[in-house]
């Protein structure tokens, strides 16, 4: 029981650290999209028919999701053995 509580608290703490890092950016979006960046954004939006390429590797997201699901099954199985 203590181990699962510690694991849950550790996971929650890790999530809070990740969220804090993501929200740490300063300035508003108008700072980033004014001037030269704003004109580039306007050119990108003119296409409209397809999504722009962001460079995000979808394979990495799928692998991470599979690992999370696998970890969930492993934790559940360990809990059933002890309980």
Protein backbone atom coordinates (compact mmCIF):
# COMPACT_ATOMS: atom_id res chain seq x y z
CA UNK A 1 0.00 0.00 0.00
CA UNK A 2 2.76 2.45 0.91
CA UNK A 3 4.60 1.68 -2.28
CA UNK A 4 1.57 2.47 -4.46
CA UNK A 5 0.95 5.71 -2.58
CA UNK A 6 4.60 6.67 -3.02
CA UNK A 7 4.41 5.79 -6.71
CA UNK A 8 1.27 7.89 -7.13
CA UNK A 9 2.78 10.85 -5.33
CA UNK A 10 5.97 10.56 -7.37
CA UNK A 11 3.97 10.50 -10.59
CA UNK A 12 1.94 13.53 -9.52
CA UNK A 13 5.10 15.42 -8.58
CA UNK A 14 6.72 14.59 -11.92
CA UNK A 15 3.59 15.81 -13.74
CA UNK A 16 3.65 19.08 -11.82
CA UNK A 17 7.31 19.64 -12.70
CA UNK A 18 6.59 19.04 -16.39
CA UNK A 19 3.60 21.39 -16.39
CA UNK A 20 5.59 24.09 -14.60
CA UNK A 21 8.31 23.91 -17.24
CA UNK A 22 5.74 24.13 -20.03
CA UNK A 23 4.05 27.18 -18.54
CA UNK A 24 7.29 28.99 -17.69
CA UNK A 25 7.42 30.85 -21.04
CA UNK A 26 7.25 34.59 -20.67
CA UNK A 27 5.47 37.15 -22.80
CA UNK A 28 2.27 36.98 -24.74
CA UNK A 29 1.68 35.42 -28.11
CA UNK A 30 1.51 38.88 -29.66
CA UNK A 31 5.20 39.28 -28.83
CA UNK A 32 6.02 36.16 -30.83
CA UNK A 33 3.76 36.88 -33.80
CA UNK A 34 4.49 40.55 -34.39
CA UNK A 35 6.94 41.90 -36.93
CA UNK A 36 8.64 39.38 -39.21
CA UNK A 37 7.16 36.38 -37.43
CA UNK A 38 3.65 37.76 -37.99
CA UNK A 39 4.17 38.06 -41.72
CA UNK A 40 5.44 34.47 -41.90
CA UNK A 41 2.41 33.31 -39.92
CA UNK A 42 0.17 35.11 -42.40
CA UNK A 43 1.83 33.32 -45.32
CA UNK A 44 1.40 29.96 -43.62
CA UNK A 45 -2.28 30.54 -42.95
CA UNK A 46 -3.01 31.37 -46.61
CA UNK A 47 -2.59 27.68 -47.62
CA UNK A 48 -5.45 26.56 -45.39
CA UNK A 49 -6.15 23.16 -46.99
CA UNK A 50 -3.63 21.07 -45.04
CA UNK A 51 -2.07 21.11 -41.62
CA UNK A 52 1.43 22.57 -41.40
CA UNK A 53 4.33 20.25 -40.64
CA UNK A 54 5.37 20.83 -37.01
CA UNK A 55 8.34 18.48 -36.97
CA UNK A 56 6.83 16.46 -34.12
CA UNK A 57 7.69 12.78 -34.41
CA UNK A 58 4.42 10.90 -34.06
CA UNK A 59 6.27 7.61 -33.62
CA UNK A 60 7.74 8.91 -30.38
CA UNK A 61 4.27 9.78 -29.07
CA UNK A 62 2.92 6.33 -29.96
CA UNK A 63 5.86 4.58 -28.27
CA UNK A 64 5.37 6.72 -25.15
CA UNK A 65 1.64 5.91 -25.09
CA UNK A 66 2.33 2.17 -25.41
CA UNK A 67 4.85 2.39 -22.55
CA UNK A 68 2.31 4.17 -20.37
CA UNK A 69 -0.36 1.57 -21.07
CA UNK A 70 2.15 -1.23 -20.39
CA UNK A 71 3.16 0.39 -17.11
CA UNK A 72 -0.50 0.61 -16.12
CA UNK A 73 -1.04 -3.08 -16.79
CA UNK A 74 2.15 -3.97 -14.87
CA UNK A 75 1.09 -1.91 -11.85
CA UNK A 76 -2.36 -3.46 -11.91
CA UNK A 77 -0.90 -6.97 -12.11
CA UNK A 78 1.46 -6.30 -9.21
CA UNK A 79 -1.45 -5.00 -7.18
CA UNK A 80 -3.53 -8.13 -7.84
CA UNK A 81 -0.70 -10.44 -6.76
CA UNK A 82 -0.23 -8.70 -3.43
CA UNK A 83 -3.88 -8.06 -2.67
